[in-house]
Amino acid sequence: LSINGRRANYLEAVKGRFTVSRDNALNMVYLQMNDLKPED
């Protein structure tokens, strides 16, 4: 994820299921993972 959080790159296998985000004020990064599969 870019510094301002506006651009992200994703592995093809997780596109549409995972979402990356950040909160720079809290010095935090997150990865929301939905529809998880055993291969994850």
PDB file of all heavy atoms in Angstrom:
ATOM      1  N   LEU A   1       0.835  -1.198   0.000  1.00  0.00           N
ATOM      2  CA  LEU A   1       0.000   0.000   0.000  1.00  0.00           C
ATOM      3  C   LEU A   1       0.870   1.249   0.000  1.00  0.00           C
ATOM      4  O   LEU A   1       1.856   1.328   0.736  1.00  0.00           O
ATOM      5  CB  LEU A   1      -0.904  -0.024   1.242  1.00  0.00           C
ATOM      6  CG  LEU A   1      -1.946   1.059   1.406  1.00  0.00           C
ATOM      7  CD1 LEU A   1      -2.982   0.995   0.284  1.00  0.00           C
ATOM      8  CD2 LEU A   1      -2.638   0.909   2.761  1.00  0.00           C
ATOM      9  N   SER A   2       0.467   2.228  -0.783  1.00  0.00           N
ATOM     10  CA  SER A   2       1.207   3.476  -0.856  1.00  0.00           C
ATOM     11  C   SER A   2       1.126   4.246   0.459  1.00  0.00           C
ATOM     12  O   SER A   2       0.304   3.942   1.331  1.00  0.00           O
ATOM     13  CB  SER A   2       0.655   4.344  -1.993  1.00  0.00           C
ATOM     14  OG  SER A   2      -0.699   4.683  -1.738  1.00  0.00           O
ATOM     15  N   ILE A   3       1.970   5.244   0.584  1.00  0.00           N
ATOM     16  CA  ILE A   3       2.040   6.024   1.817  1.00  0.00           C
ATOM     17  C   ILE A   3       0.703   6.680   2.155  1.00  0.00           C
ATOM     18  O   ILE A   3       0.267   6.683   3.304  1.00  0.00           O
ATOM     19  CB  ILE A   3       3.155   7.067   1.709  1.00  0.00           C
ATOM     20  CG1 ILE A   3       4.521   6.393   1.797  1.00  0.00           C
ATOM     21  CG2 ILE A   3       3.023   8.136   2.806  1.00  0.00           C
ATOM     22  CD1 ILE A   3       5.694   7.331   1.584  1.00  0.00           C
ATOM     23  N   ASN A   4       0.034   7.211   1.139  1.00  0.00           N
ATOM     24  CA  ASN A   4      -1.247   7.892   1.411  1.00  0.00           C
ATOM     25  C   ASN A   4      -2.434   6.937   1.401  1.00  0.00           C
ATOM     26  O   ASN A   4      -3.568   7.361   1.594  1.00  0.00           O
ATOM     27  CB  ASN A   4      -1.477   9.031   0.416  1.00  0.00           C
ATOM     28  CG  ASN A   4      -1.565   8.549  -1.023  1.00  0.00           C
ATOM     29  OD1 ASN A   4      -1.669   7.357  -1.305  1.00  0.00           O
ATOM     30  ND2 ASN A   4      -1.522   9.503  -1.949  1.00  0.00           N
ATOM     31  N   GLY A   5      -2.172   5.662   1.167  1.00  0.00           N
ATOM     32  CA  GLY A   5      -3.235   4.669   1.221  1.00  0.00           C
ATOM     33  C   GLY A   5      -4.143   4.630   0.011  1.00  0.00           C
ATOM     34  O   GLY A   5      -5.157   3.919   0.010  1.00  0.00           O
ATOM     35  N   ARG A   6      -3.794   5.355  -1.051  1.00  0.00           N
ATOM     36  CA  ARG A   6      -4.710   5.456  -2.188  1.00  0.00           C
ATOM     37  C   ARG A   6      -4.427   4.426  -3.279  1.00  0.00           C
ATOM     38  O   ARG A   6      -5.274   4.195  -4.140  1.00  0.00           O
ATOM     39  CB  ARG A   6      -4.623   6.865  -2.782  1.00  0.00           C
ATOM     40  CG  ARG A   6      -5.144   7.930  -1.846  1.00  0.00           C
ATOM     41  CD  ARG A   6      -4.955   9.325  -2.408  1.00  0.00           C
ATOM     42  NE  ARG A   6      -5.394  10.358  -1.471  1.00  0.00           N
ATOM     43  CZ  ARG A   6      -5.212  11.657  -1.661  1.00  0.00           C
ATOM     44  NH1 ARG A   6      -4.613  12.089  -2.760  1.00  0.00           N
ATOM     45  NH2 ARG A   6      -5.647  12.515  -0.770  1.00  0.00           N
ATOM     46  N   ARG A   7      -3.246   3.853  -3.269  1.00  0.00           N
ATOM     47  CA  ARG A   7      -2.918   2.834  -4.276  1.00  0.00           C
ATOM     48  C   ARG A   7      -2.430   1.569  -3.592  1.00  0.00           C
ATOM     49  O   ARG A   7      -1.672   1.627  -2.629  1.00  0.00           O
ATOM     50  CB  ARG A   7      -1.837   3.340  -5.221  1.00  0.00           C
ATOM     51  CG  ARG A   7      -2.279   4.461  -6.141  1.00  0.00           C
ATOM     52  CD  ARG A   7      -1.262   4.706  -7.239  1.00  0.00           C
ATOM     53  NE  ARG A   7       0.056   5.021  -6.708  1.00  0.00           N
ATOM     54  CZ  ARG A   7       1.147   4.298  -6.920  1.00  0.00           C
ATOM     55  NH1 ARG A   7       1.079   3.186  -7.635  1.00  0.00           N
ATOM     56  NH2 ARG A   7       2.301   4.670  -6.422  1.00  0.00           N
ATOM     57  N   ALA A   8      -2.898   0.440  -4.104  1.00  0.00           N
ATOM     58  CA  ALA A   8      -2.513  -0.845  -3.533  1.00  0.00           C
ATOM     59  C   ALA A   8      -2.258  -1.857  -4.638  1.00  0.00           C
ATOM     60  O   ALA A   8      -2.894  -1.817  -5.694  1.00  0.00           O
ATOM     61  CB  ALA A   8      -3.604  -1.359  -2.598  1.00  0.00           C
ATOM     62  N   ASN A   9      -1.348  -2.742  -4.369  1.00  0.00           N
ATOM     63  CA  ASN A   9      -1.091  -3.883  -5.242  1.00  0.00           C
ATOM     64  C   ASN A   9      -1.535  -5.141  -4.511  1.00  0.00           C
ATOM     65  O   ASN A   9      -1.384  -5.240  -3.287  1.00  0.00           O
ATOM     66  CB  ASN A   9       0.395  -3.993  -5.590  1.00  0.00           C
ATOM     67  CG  ASN A   9       0.896  -2.817  -6.389  1.00  0.00           C
ATOM     68  OD1 ASN A   9       0.134  -2.138  -7.085  1.00  0.00           O
ATOM     69  ND2 ASN A   9       2.195  -2.574  -6.326  1.00  0.00           N
ATOM     70  N   TYR A  10      -2.046  -6.113  -5.269  1.00  0.00           N
ATOM     71  CA  TYR A  10      -2.503  -7.353  -4.671  1.00  0.00           C
ATOM     72  C   TYR A  10      -2.004  -8.550  -5.469  1.00  0.00           C
ATOM     73  O   TYR A  10      -1.944  -8.515  -6.700  1.00  0.00           O
ATOM     74  CB  TYR A  10      -4.037  -7.420  -4.631  1.00  0.00           C
ATOM     75  CG  TYR A  10      -4.677  -6.483  -3.641  1.00  0.00           C
ATOM     76  CD1 TYR A  10      -5.144  -5.234  -4.035  1.00  0.00           C
ATOM     77  CD2 TYR A  10      -4.824  -6.862  -2.308  1.00  0.00           C
ATOM     78  CE1 TYR A  10      -5.741  -4.375  -3.127  1.00  0.00           C
ATOM     79  CE2 TYR A  10      -5.423  -6.010  -1.389  1.00  0.00           C
ATOM     80  CZ  TYR A  10      -5.877  -4.774  -1.803  1.00  0.00           C
ATOM     81  OH  TYR A  10      -6.466  -3.927  -0.894  1.00  0.00           O
ATOM     82  N   LEU A  11      -1.698  -9.600  -4.759  1.00  0.00           N
ATOM     83  CA  LEU A  11      -1.441 -10.896  -5.378  1.00  0.00           C
ATOM     84  C   LEU A  11      -2.733 -11.318  -6.082  1.00  0.00           C
ATOM     85  O   LEU A  11      -3.833 -11.170  -5.519  1.00  0.00           O
ATOM     86  CB  LEU A  11      -1.062 -11.896  -4.292  1.00  0.00           C
ATOM     87  CG  LEU A  11      -0.709 -13.311  -4.705  1.00  0.00           C
ATOM     88  CD1 LEU A  11       0.612 -13.337  -5.462  1.00  0.00           C
ATOM     89  CD2 LEU A  11      -0.635 -14.206  -3.469  1.00  0.00           C
ATOM     90  N   GLU A  12      -2.605 -11.848  -7.278  1.00  0.00           N
ATOM     91  CA  GLU A  12      -3.790 -12.215  -8.057  1.00  0.00           C
ATOM     92  C   GLU A  12      -4.711 -13.152  -7.289  1.00  0.00           C
ATOM     93  O   GLU A  12      -5.931 -13.021  -7.352  1.00  0.00           O
ATOM     94  CB  GLU A  12      -3.348 -12.868  -9.366  1.00  0.00           C
ATOM     95  CG  GLU A  12      -4.466 -13.052 -10.380  1.00  0.00           C
ATOM     96  CD  GLU A  12      -5.028 -11.730 -10.885  1.00  0.00           C
ATOM     97  OE1 GLU A  12      -4.257 -10.763 -11.023  1.00  0.00           O
ATOM     98  OE2 GLU A  12      -6.244 -11.694 -11.149  1.00  0.00           O
ATOM     99  N   ALA A  13      -4.142 -14.048  -6.521  1.00  0.00           N
ATOM    100  CA  ALA A  13      -4.934 -15.061  -5.813  1.00  0.00           C
ATOM    101  C   ALA A  13      -5.806 -14.490  -4.698  1.00  0.00           C
ATOM    102  O   ALA A  13      -6.736 -15.167  -4.234  1.00  0.00           O
ATOM    103  CB  ALA A  13      -4.005 -16.124  -5.229  1.00  0.00           C
ATOM    104  N   VAL A  14      -5.539 -13.254  -4.282  1.00  0.00           N
ATOM    105  CA  VAL A  14      -6.310 -12.681  -3.169  1.00  0.00           C
ATOM    106  C   VAL A  14      -7.167 -11.503  -3.599  1.00  0.00           C
ATOM    107  O   VAL A  14      -7.922 -10.957  -2.780  1.00  0.00           O
ATOM    108  CB  VAL A  14      -5.397 -12.268  -2.001  1.00  0.00           C
ATOM    109  CG1 VAL A  14      -4.492 -13.426  -1.583  1.00  0.00           C
ATOM    110  CG2 VAL A  14      -4.586 -11.031  -2.328  1.00  0.00           C
ATOM    111  N   LYS A  15      -7.057 -11.107  -4.854  1.00  0.00           N
ATOM    112  CA  LYS A  15      -7.844  -9.962  -5.325  1.00  0.00           C
ATOM    113  C   LYS A  15      -9.337 -10.222  -5.131  1.00  0.00           C
ATOM    114  O   LYS A  15      -9.840 -11.286  -5.444  1.00  0.00           O
ATOM    115  CB  LYS A  15      -7.539  -9.697  -6.802  1.00  0.00           C
ATOM    116  CG  LYS A  15      -6.204  -9.021  -7.036  1.00  0.00           C
ATOM    117  CD  LYS A  15      -5.980  -8.737  -8.518  1.00  0.00           C
ATOM    118  CE  LYS A  15      -4.638  -8.051  -8.745  1.00  0.00           C
ATOM    119  NZ  LYS A  15      -4.376  -7.813 -10.179  1.00  0.00           N
ATOM    120  N   GLY A  16     -10.020  -9.215  -4.620  1.00  0.00           N
ATOM    121  CA  GLY A  16     -11.449  -9.335  -4.367  1.00  0.00           C
ATOM    122  C   GLY A  16     -11.789  -9.943  -3.029  1.00  0.00           C
ATOM    123  O   GLY A  16     -12.953  -9.910  -2.610  1.00  0.00           O
ATOM    124  N   ARG A  17     -10.796 -10.523  -2.362  1.00  0.00           N
ATOM    125  CA  ARG A  17     -11.037 -11.141  -1.042  1.00  0.00           C
ATOM    126  C   ARG A  17     -10.296 -10.423   0.083  1.00  0.00           C
ATOM    127  O   ARG A  17     -10.800 -10.354   1.203  1.00  0.00           O
ATOM    128  CB  ARG A  17     -10.599 -12.602  -1.061  1.00  0.00           C
ATOM    129  CG  ARG A  17     -11.312 -13.461  -2.095  1.00  0.00           C
ATOM    130  CD  ARG A  17     -10.968 -14.939  -1.915  1.00  0.00           C
ATOM    131  NE  ARG A  17      -9.550 -15.215  -2.146  1.00  0.00           N
ATOM    132  CZ  ARG A  17      -8.746 -15.781  -1.242  1.00  0.00           C
ATOM    133  NH1 ARG A  17      -9.206 -16.116  -0.054  1.00  0.00           N
ATOM    134  NH2 ARG A  17      -7.475 -16.018  -1.547  1.00  0.00           N
ATOM    135  N   PHE A  18      -9.118  -9.907  -0.202  1.00  0.00           N
ATOM    136  CA  PHE A  18      -8.297  -9.234   0.808  1.00  0.00           C
ATOM    137  C   PHE A  18      -8.286  -7.732   0.544  1.00  0.00           C
ATOM    138  O   PHE A  18      -8.288  -7.299  -0.613  1.00  0.00           O
ATOM    139  CB  PHE A  18      -6.868  -9.738   0.760  1.00  0.00           C
ATOM    140  CG  PHE A  18      -6.659 -11.152   1.231  1.00  0.00           C
ATOM    141  CD1 PHE A  18      -7.721 -12.016   1.442  1.00  0.00           C
ATOM    142  CD2 PHE A  18      -5.369 -11.629   1.467  1.00  0.00           C
ATOM    143  CE1 PHE A  18      -7.519 -13.317   1.873  1.00  0.00           C
ATOM    144  CE2 PHE A  18      -5.153 -12.914   1.904  1.00  0.00           C
ATOM    145  CZ  PHE A  18      -6.230 -13.763   2.089  1.00  0.00           C
ATOM    146  N   THR A  19      -8.226  -6.969   1.634  1.00  0.00           N
ATOM    147  CA  THR A  19      -8.131  -5.518   1.527  1.00  0.00           C
ATOM    148  C   THR A  19      -7.085  -5.011   2.509  1.00  0.00           C
ATOM    149  O   THR A  19      -7.164  -5.308   3.708  1.00  0.00           O
ATOM    150  CB  THR A  19      -9.477  -4.841   1.830  1.00  0.00           C
ATOM    151  OG1 THR A  19     -10.474  -5.344   0.944  1.00  0.00           O
ATOM    152  CG2 THR A  19      -9.361  -3.330   1.652  1.00  0.00           C
ATOM    153  N   VAL A  20      -6.133  -4.259   1.999  1.00  0.00           N
ATOM    154  CA  VAL A  20      -5.100  -3.666   2.847  1.00  0.00           C
ATOM    155  C   VAL A  20      -5.489  -2.226   3.158  1.00  0.00           C
ATOM    156  O   VAL A  20      -6.073  -1.529   2.319  1.00  0.00           O
ATOM    157  CB  VAL A  20      -3.717  -3.747   2.161  1.00  0.00           C
ATOM    158  CG1 VAL A  20      -3.694  -2.932   0.876  1.00  0.00           C
ATOM    159  CG2 VAL A  20      -2.622  -3.292   3.109  1.00  0.00           C
ATOM    160  N   SER A  21      -5.168  -1.799   4.368  1.00  0.00           N
ATOM    161  CA  SER A  21      -5.447  -0.414   4.753  1.00  0.00           C
ATOM    162  C   SER A  21      -4.432   0.018   5.799  1.00  0.00           C
ATOM    163  O   SER A  21      -3.671  -0.801   6.321  1.00  0.00           O
ATOM    164  CB  SER A  21      -6.882  -0.279   5.297  1.00  0.00           C
ATOM    165  OG  SER A  21      -7.062  -1.067   6.454  1.00  0.00           O
ATOM    166  N   ARG A  22      -4.437   1.308   6.077  1.00  0.00           N
ATOM    167  CA  ARG A  22      -3.484   1.831   7.056  1.00  0.00           C
ATOM    168  C   ARG A  22      -4.081   3.004   7.788  1.00  0.00           C
ATOM    169  O   ARG A  22      -4.978   3.686   7.276  1.00  0.00           O
ATOM    170  CB  ARG A  22      -2.182   2.228   6.359  1.00  0.00           C
ATOM    171  CG  ARG A  22      -2.303   3.397   5.402  1.00  0.00           C
ATOM    172  CD  ARG A  22      -1.034   3.535   4.539  1.00  0.00           C
ATOM    173  NE  ARG A  22       0.145   3.780   5.374  1.00  0.00           N
ATOM    174  CZ  ARG A  22       1.400   3.650   4.928  1.00  0.00           C
ATOM    175  NH1 ARG A  22       1.625   3.252   3.702  1.00  0.00           N
ATOM    176  NH2 ARG A  22       2.396   3.917   5.745  1.00  0.00           N
ATOM    177  N   ASP A  23      -3.563   3.234   8.981  1.00  0.00           N
ATOM    178  CA  ASP A  23      -3.910   4.414   9.765  1.00  0.00           C
ATOM    179  C   ASP A  23      -2.587   5.012  10.219  1.00  0.00           C
ATOM    180  O   ASP A  23      -1.996   4.551  11.205  1.00  0.00           O
ATOM    181  CB  ASP A  23      -4.789   4.033  10.953  1.00  0.00           C
ATOM    182  CG  ASP A  23      -5.311   5.248  11.693  1.00  0.00           C
ATOM    183  OD1 ASP A  23      -4.620   6.290  11.708  1.00  0.00           O
ATOM    184  OD2 ASP A  23      -6.394   5.166  12.274  1.00  0.00           O
ATOM    185  N   ASN A  24      -2.121   6.003   9.488  1.00  0.00           N
ATOM    186  CA  ASN A  24      -0.801   6.568   9.785  1.00  0.00           C
ATOM    187  C   ASN A  24      -0.769   7.271  11.137  1.00  0.00           C
ATOM    188  O   ASN A  24       0.274   7.321  11.789  1.00  0.00           O
ATOM    189  CB  ASN A  24      -0.378   7.525   8.674  1.00  0.00           C
ATOM    190  CG  ASN A  24      -0.038   6.801   7.382  1.00  0.00           C
ATOM    191  OD1 ASN A  24       0.224   5.591   7.378  1.00  0.00           O
ATOM    192  ND2 ASN A  24      -0.035   7.525   6.272  1.00  0.00           N
ATOM    193  N   ALA A  25      -1.894   7.792  11.556  1.00  0.00           N
ATOM    194  CA  ALA A  25      -1.933   8.462  12.856  1.00  0.00           C
ATOM    195  C   ALA A  25      -1.679   7.479  13.998  1.00  0.00           C
ATOM    196  O   ALA A  25      -1.131   7.851  15.032  1.00  0.00           O
ATOM    197  CB  ALA A  25      -3.278   9.150  13.041  1.00  0.00           C
ATOM    198  N   LEU A  26      -2.091   6.228  13.785  1.00  0.00           N
ATOM    199  CA  LEU A  26      -1.904   5.202  14.808  1.00  0.00           C
ATOM    200  C   LEU A  26      -0.694   4.318  14.535  1.00  0.00           C
ATOM    201  O   LEU A  26      -0.405   3.417  15.318  1.00  0.00           O
ATOM    202  CB  LEU A  26      -3.158   4.310  14.881  1.00  0.00           C
ATOM    203  CG  LEU A  26      -4.440   4.987  15.330  1.00  0.00           C
ATOM    204  CD1 LEU A  26      -5.589   3.986  15.307  1.00  0.00           C
ATOM    205  CD2 LEU A  26      -4.295   5.600  16.707  1.00  0.00           C
ATOM    206  N   ASN A  27      -0.021   4.584  13.416  1.00  0.00           N
ATOM    207  CA  ASN A  27       1.133   3.754  13.027  1.00  0.00           C
ATOM    208  C   ASN A  27       0.732   2.298  12.821  1.00  0.00           C
ATOM    209  O   ASN A  27       1.459   1.379  13.205  1.00  0.00           O
ATOM    210  CB  ASN A  27       2.255   3.846  14.076  1.00  0.00           C
ATOM    211  CG  ASN A  27       3.500   4.525  13.543  1.00  0.00           C
ATOM    212  OD1 ASN A  27       3.474   5.224  12.521  1.00  0.00           O
ATOM    213  ND2 ASN A  27       4.614   4.341  14.227  1.00  0.00           N
ATOM    214  N   MET A  28      -0.422   2.109  12.199  1.00  0.00           N
ATOM    215  CA  MET A  28      -0.989   0.772  12.047  1.00  0.00           C
ATOM    216  C   MET A  28      -1.221   0.428  10.581  1.00  0.00           C
ATOM    217  O   MET A  28      -1.513   1.300   9.760  1.00  0.00           O
ATOM    218  CB  MET A  28      -2.328   0.669  12.776  1.00  0.00           C
ATOM    219  CG  MET A  28      -2.282   0.829  14.273  1.00  0.00           C
ATOM    220  SD  MET A  28      -1.630  -0.615  15.116  1.00  0.00           S
ATOM    221  CE  MET A  28      -2.889  -1.825  14.746  1.00  0.00           C
ATOM    222  N   VAL A  29      -1.135  -0.861  10.290  1.00  0.00           N
ATOM    223  CA  VAL A  29      -1.473  -1.412   8.979  1.00  0.00           C
ATOM    224  C   VAL A  29      -2.410  -2.595   9.220  1.00  0.00           C
ATOM    225  O   VAL A  29      -2.239  -3.328  10.208  1.00  0.00           O
ATOM    226  CB  VAL A  29      -0.222  -1.911   8.224  1.00  0.00           C
ATOM    227  CG1 VAL A  29      -0.587  -2.354   6.806  1.00  0.00           C
ATOM    228  CG2 VAL A  29       0.846  -0.863   8.196  1.00  0.00           C
ATOM    229  N   TYR A  30      -3.358  -2.793   8.301  1.00  0.00           N
ATOM    230  CA  TYR A  30      -4.329  -3.862   8.471  1.00  0.00           C
ATOM    231  C   TYR A  30      -4.440  -4.684   7.189  1.00  0.00           C
ATOM    232  O   TYR A  30      -4.189  -4.186   6.091  1.00  0.00           O
ATOM    233  CB  TYR A  30      -5.708  -3.286   8.799  1.00  0.00           C
ATOM    234  CG  TYR A  30      -5.711  -2.335   9.966  1.00  0.00           C
ATOM    235  CD1 TYR A  30      -5.650  -0.954   9.768  1.00  0.00           C
ATOM    236  CD2 TYR A  30      -5.747  -2.811  11.269  1.00  0.00           C
ATOM    237  CE1 TYR A  30      -5.650  -0.067  10.832  1.00  0.00           C
ATOM    238  CE2 TYR A  30      -5.743  -1.937  12.346  1.00  0.00           C
ATOM    239  CZ  TYR A  30      -5.696  -0.566  12.121  1.00  0.00           C
ATOM    240  OH  TYR A  30      -5.685   0.301  13.179  1.00  0.00           O
ATOM    241  N   LEU A  31      -4.847  -5.923   7.363  1.00  0.00           N
ATOM    242  CA  LEU A  31      -5.169  -6.763   6.217  1.00  0.00           C
ATOM    243  C   LEU A  31      -6.476  -7.479   6.547  1.00  0.00           C
ATOM    244  O   LEU A  31      -6.498  -8.363   7.404  1.00  0.00           O
ATOM    245  CB  LEU A  31      -4.075  -7.772   5.910  1.00  0.00           C
ATOM    246  CG  LEU A  31      -4.300  -8.613   4.650  1.00  0.00           C
ATOM    247  CD1 LEU A  31      -4.214  -7.720   3.398  1.00  0.00           C
ATOM    248  CD2 LEU A  31      -3.280  -9.748   4.555  1.00  0.00           C
ATOM    249  N   GLN A  32      -7.542  -7.057   5.897  1.00  0.00           N
ATOM    250  CA  GLN A  32      -8.829  -7.715   6.045  1.00  0.00           C
ATOM    251  C   GLN A  32      -8.894  -8.867   5.052  1.00  0.00           C
ATOM    252  O   GLN A  32      -8.753  -8.655   3.836  1.00  0.00           O
ATOM    253  CB  GLN A  32      -9.976  -6.731   5.780  1.00  0.00           C
ATOM    254  CG  GLN A  32     -11.360  -7.346   5.869  1.00  0.00           C
ATOM    255  CD  GLN A  32     -11.709  -7.796   7.274  1.00  0.00           C
ATOM    256  OE1 GLN A  32     -11.455  -7.102   8.242  1.00  0.00           O
ATOM    257  NE2 GLN A  32     -12.298  -8.993   7.383  1.00  0.00           N
ATOM    258  N   MET A  33      -9.110 -10.065   5.558  1.00  0.00           N
ATOM    259  CA  MET A  33      -9.118 -11.260   4.723  1.00  0.00           C
ATOM    260  C   MET A  33     -10.485 -11.905   4.801  1.00  0.00           C
ATOM    261  O   MET A  33     -10.907 -12.349   5.883  1.00  0.00           O
ATOM    262  CB  MET A  33      -8.034 -12.236   5.182  1.00  0.00           C
ATOM    263  CG  MET A  33      -6.645 -11.615   5.243  1.00  0.00           C
ATOM    264  SD  MET A  33      -5.352 -12.816   5.613  1.00  0.00           S
ATOM    265  CE  MET A  33      -5.815 -13.290   7.269  1.00  0.00           C
ATOM    266  N   ASN A  34     -11.190 -11.939   3.687  1.00  0.00           N
ATOM    267  CA  ASN A  34     -12.520 -12.542   3.606  1.00  0.00           C
ATOM    268  C   ASN A  34     -12.500 -13.759   2.699  1.00  0.00           C
ATOM    269  O   ASN A  34     -11.577 -13.938   1.896  1.00  0.00           O
ATOM    270  CB  ASN A  34     -13.521 -11.519   3.076  1.00  0.00           C
ATOM    271  CG  ASN A  34     -13.656 -10.310   3.975  1.00  0.00           C
ATOM    272  OD1 ASN A  34     -13.511 -10.392   5.187  1.00  0.00           O
ATOM    273  ND2 ASN A  34     -13.936  -9.160   3.360  1.00  0.00           N
ATOM    274  N   ASP A  35     -13.530 -14.582   2.840  1.00  0.00           N
ATOM    275  CA  ASP A  35     -13.658 -15.784   2.005  1.00  0.00           C
ATOM    276  C   ASP A  35     -12.348 -16.576   1.996  1.00  0.00           C
ATOM    277  O   ASP A  35     -11.826 -16.946   0.936  1.00  0.00           O
ATOM    278  CB  ASP A  35     -14.057 -15.399   0.581  1.00  0.00           C
ATOM    279  CG  ASP A  35     -14.435 -16.595  -0.267  1.00  0.00           C
ATOM    280  OD1 ASP A  35     -14.816 -17.633   0.310  1.00  0.00           O
ATOM    281  OD2 ASP A  35     -14.337 -16.508  -1.509  1.00  0.00           O
ATOM    282  N   LEU A  36     -11.841 -16.839   3.163  1.00  0.00           N
ATOM    283  CA  LEU A  36     -10.549 -17.519   3.280  1.00  0.00           C
ATOM    284  C   LEU A  36     -10.628 -18.952   2.763  1.00  0.00           C
ATOM    285  O   LEU A  36     -11.660 -19.637   2.877  1.00  0.00           O
ATOM    286  CB  LEU A  36     -10.080 -17.495   4.723  1.00  0.00           C
ATOM    287  CG  LEU A  36      -9.484 -16.152   5.158  1.00  0.00           C
ATOM    288  CD1 LEU A  36      -9.481 -16.014   6.662  1.00  0.00           C
ATOM    289  CD2 LEU A  36      -8.076 -15.990   4.598  1.00  0.00           C
ATOM    290  N   LYS A  37      -9.523 -19.399   2.201  1.00  0.00           N
ATOM    291  CA  LYS A  37      -9.408 -20.733   1.618  1.00  0.00           C
ATOM    292  C   LYS A  37      -8.247 -21.469   2.266  1.00  0.00           C
ATOM    293  O   LYS A  37      -7.310 -20.819   2.758  1.00  0.00           O
ATOM    294  CB  LYS A  37      -9.168 -20.613   0.114  1.00  0.00           C
ATOM    295  CG  LYS A  37     -10.221 -19.801  -0.622  1.00  0.00           C
ATOM    296  CD  LYS A  37      -9.862 -19.628  -2.085  1.00  0.00           C
ATOM    297  CE  LYS A  37     -10.912 -18.801  -2.806  1.00  0.00           C
ATOM    298  NZ  LYS A  37     -10.607 -18.639  -4.248  1.00  0.00           N
ATOM    299  N   PRO A  38      -8.263 -22.786   2.257  1.00  0.00           N
ATOM    300  CA  PRO A  38      -7.139 -23.535   2.845  1.00  0.00           C
ATOM    301  C   PRO A  38      -5.792 -23.135   2.261  1.00  0.00           C
ATOM    302  O   PRO A  38      -4.776 -23.159   2.978  1.00  0.00           O
ATOM    303  CB  PRO A  38      -7.492 -24.988   2.517  1.00  0.00           C
ATOM    304  CG  PRO A  38      -8.987 -25.006   2.476  1.00  0.00           C
ATOM    305  CD  PRO A  38      -9.375 -23.677   1.858  1.00  0.00           C
ATOM    306  N   GLU A  39      -5.761 -22.749   0.996  1.00  0.00           N
ATOM    307  CA  GLU A  39      -4.497 -22.354   0.372  1.00  0.00           C
ATOM    308  C   GLU A  39      -3.988 -21.004   0.865  1.00  0.00           C
ATOM    309  O   GLU A  39      -2.873 -20.594   0.530  1.00  0.00           O
ATOM    310  CB  GLU A  39      -4.614 -22.341  -1.157  1.00  0.00           C
ATOM    311  CG  GLU A  39      -5.807 -21.574  -1.689  1.00  0.00           C
ATOM    312  CD  GLU A  39      -7.000 -22.469  -1.986  1.00  0.00           C
ATOM    313  OE1 GLU A  39      -7.318 -23.358  -1.164  1.00  0.00           O
ATOM    314  OE2 GLU A  39      -7.627 -22.257  -3.046  1.00  0.00           O
ATOM    315  N   ASP A  40      -4.779 -20.303   1.674  1.00  0.00           N
ATOM    316  CA  ASP A  40      -4.314 -19.069   2.314  1.00  0.00           C
ATOM    317  C   ASP A  40      -3.531 -19.351   3.592  1.00  0.00           C
ATOM    318  O   ASP A  40      -2.978 -18.430   4.198  1.00  0.00           O
ATOM    319  CB  ASP A  40      -5.507 -18.165   2.653  1.00  0.00           C
ATOM    320  CG  ASP A  40      -6.237 -17.660   1.421  1.00  0.00           C
ATOM    321  OD1 ASP A  40      -5.552 -17.297   0.437  1.00  0.00           O
ATOM    322  OD2 ASP A  40      -7.479 -17.625   1.447  1.00  0.00           O
TER     323      ASP A  40
END
